[in-house]
């Protein structure tokens, strides 16, 4: 990618948000990954790289999986 990091992240967010028009989110790995992040253990010297995007607890959701199901399958034709 030749995009600046902020543009790349915003583009990715827009794509994920755009999927809501035709799909329901049926699951993610975000909570599982978050439960595995312990700043006091994973960054004991408090000099870890600060991620570009992070949650309040400093967890960086830079890699995760999202499962979707087509709304037409759930709602039927004409939904």
C-alpha atoms as a PDB file:
ATOM      1  CA  UNK A   1       0.000   0.000   0.000  1.00  0.00           C
ATOM      2  CA  UNK A   2       1.176   3.468  -0.869  1.00  0.00           C
ATOM      3  CA  UNK A   3      -1.508   5.101   1.267  1.00  0.00           C
ATOM      4  CA  UNK A   4      -0.517   6.950   4.439  1.00  0.00           C
ATOM      5  CA  UNK A   5      -1.315   4.853   7.502  1.00  0.00           C
ATOM      6  CA  UNK A   6      -4.259   7.001   8.632  1.00  0.00           C
ATOM      7  CA  UNK A   7      -5.884   6.822   5.177  1.00  0.00           C
ATOM      8  CA  UNK A   8      -5.367   3.063   5.042  1.00  0.00           C
ATOM      9  CA  UNK A   9      -6.999   2.568   8.448  1.00  0.00           C
ATOM     10  CA  UNK A  10      -9.941   4.829   7.596  1.00  0.00           C
ATOM     11  CA  UNK A  11     -10.435   2.942   4.315  1.00  0.00           C
ATOM     12  CA  UNK A  12     -10.463  -0.392   6.146  1.00  0.00           C
ATOM     13  CA  UNK A  13     -12.979   0.918   8.694  1.00  0.00           C
ATOM     14  CA  UNK A  14     -15.284   2.171   5.916  1.00  0.00           C
ATOM     15  CA  UNK A  15     -15.182  -1.235   4.228  1.00  0.00           C
ATOM     16  CA  UNK A  16     -16.059  -3.052   7.455  1.00  0.00           C
ATOM     17  CA  UNK A  17     -18.830  -0.577   8.261  1.00  0.00           C
ATOM     18  CA  UNK A  18     -20.161  -0.827   4.688  1.00  0.00           C
ATOM     19  CA  UNK A  19     -20.667  -4.565   5.070  1.00  0.00           C
ATOM     20  CA  UNK A  20     -23.502  -3.812   7.531  1.00  0.00           C
ATOM     21  CA  UNK A  21     -25.749  -2.838   4.631  1.00  0.00           C
ATOM     22  CA  UNK A  22     -26.093  -6.436   3.402  1.00  0.00           C
ATOM     23  CA  UNK A  23     -24.682  -8.579   6.190  1.00  0.00           C
ATOM     24  CA  UNK A  24     -25.203  -9.243   9.881  1.00  0.00           C
ATOM     25  CA  UNK A  25     -22.104  -9.714  11.982  1.00  0.00           C
ATOM     26  CA  UNK A  26     -22.332 -13.212  13.431  1.00  0.00           C
ATOM     27  CA  UNK A  27     -19.115 -13.261  15.426  1.00  0.00           C
ATOM     28  CA  UNK A  28     -15.598 -11.906  15.893  1.00  0.00           C
ATOM     29  CA  UNK A  29     -12.341 -12.837  17.549  1.00  0.00           C
ATOM     30  CA  UNK A  30     -12.015  -9.395  19.163  1.00  0.00           C
ATOM     31  CA  UNK A  31     -13.111 -10.449  22.647  1.00  0.00           C
ATOM     32  CA  UNK A  32     -10.989 -13.601  22.551  1.00  0.00           C
ATOM     33  CA  UNK A  33      -7.906 -11.635  21.540  1.00  0.00           C
ATOM     34  CA  UNK A  34      -8.656  -8.922  24.104  1.00  0.00           C
ATOM     35  CA  UNK A  35      -8.838 -11.506  26.868  1.00  0.00           C
ATOM     36  CA  UNK A  36      -5.342 -12.622  25.891  1.00  0.00           C
ATOM     37  CA  UNK A  37      -3.824  -9.130  26.226  1.00  0.00           C
ATOM     38  CA  UNK A  38      -2.346  -8.333  29.613  1.00  0.00           C
ATOM     39  CA  UNK A  39      -0.333  -5.091  29.495  1.00  0.00           C
ATOM     40  CA  UNK A  40       1.262  -5.793  32.869  1.00  0.00           C
ATOM     41  CA  UNK A  41       2.566  -9.132  31.547  1.00  0.00           C
ATOM     42  CA  UNK A  42       2.979  -8.409  27.837  1.00  0.00           C
ATOM     43  CA  UNK A  43       4.723  -5.074  28.317  1.00  0.00           C
ATOM     44  CA  UNK A  44       6.454  -5.327  31.687  1.00  0.00           C
ATOM     45  CA  UNK A  45       9.005  -2.553  31.098  1.00  0.00           C
ATOM     46  CA  UNK A  46       6.272  -0.127  29.933  1.00  0.00           C
ATOM     47  CA  UNK A  47       8.218   0.697  26.792  1.00  0.00           C
ATOM     48  CA  UNK A  48       6.133  -1.134  24.234  1.00  0.00           C
ATOM     49  CA  UNK A  49       5.354   0.384  20.853  1.00  0.00           C
ATOM     50  CA  UNK A  50       2.124   2.387  21.047  1.00  0.00           C
ATOM     51  CA  UNK A  51      -0.252   1.073  18.395  1.00  0.00           C
ATOM     52  CA  UNK A  52      -1.882   3.463  15.949  1.00  0.00           C
ATOM     53  CA  UNK A  53      -5.342   2.219  16.964  1.00  0.00           C
ATOM     54  CA  UNK A  54      -6.082   0.894  20.429  1.00  0.00           C
ATOM     55  CA  UNK A  55      -8.881   0.489  22.924  1.00  0.00           C
ATOM     56  CA  UNK A  56      -9.054   2.108  26.342  1.00  0.00           C
ATOM     57  CA  UNK A  57      -7.058  -0.758  27.853  1.00  0.00           C
ATOM     58  CA  UNK A  58      -4.290  -0.330  25.244  1.00  0.00           C
ATOM     59  CA  UNK A  59      -5.364  -3.431  23.305  1.00  0.00           C
ATOM     60  CA  UNK A  60      -4.660  -2.986  19.601  1.00  0.00           C
ATOM     61  CA  UNK A  61      -7.295  -4.599  17.356  1.00  0.00           C
ATOM     62  CA  UNK A  62      -5.006  -4.650  14.323  1.00  0.00           C
ATOM     63  CA  UNK A  63      -5.623  -8.287  13.454  1.00  0.00           C
ATOM     64  CA  UNK A  64      -8.943 -10.020  14.010  1.00  0.00           C
ATOM     65  CA  UNK A  65     -11.556 -12.080  12.232  1.00  0.00           C
ATOM     66  CA  UNK A  66     -15.188 -11.170  11.654  1.00  0.00           C
ATOM     67  CA  UNK A  67     -17.889 -13.571  10.498  1.00  0.00           C
ATOM     68  CA  UNK A  68     -20.851 -12.340   8.509  1.00  0.00           C
ATOM     69  CA  UNK A  69     -24.102 -13.839   7.280  1.00  0.00           C
ATOM     70  CA  UNK A  70     -26.100 -12.396   4.400  1.00  0.00           C
ATOM     71  CA  UNK A  71     -29.201 -10.590   5.672  1.00  0.00           C
ATOM     72  CA  UNK A  72     -31.304 -12.140   2.865  1.00  0.00           C
ATOM     73  CA  UNK A  73     -30.687 -15.572   4.333  1.00  0.00           C
ATOM     74  CA  UNK A  74     -31.913 -14.484   7.763  1.00  0.00           C
ATOM     75  CA  UNK A  75     -34.673 -12.072   6.792  1.00  0.00           C
ATOM     76  CA  UNK A  76     -35.869 -13.742   3.602  1.00  0.00           C
ATOM     77  CA  UNK A  77     -36.667 -11.986   0.320  1.00  0.00           C
ATOM     78  CA  UNK A  78     -37.576  -8.332   0.739  1.00  0.00           C
ATOM     79  CA  UNK A  79     -36.190  -8.448   4.315  1.00  0.00           C
END
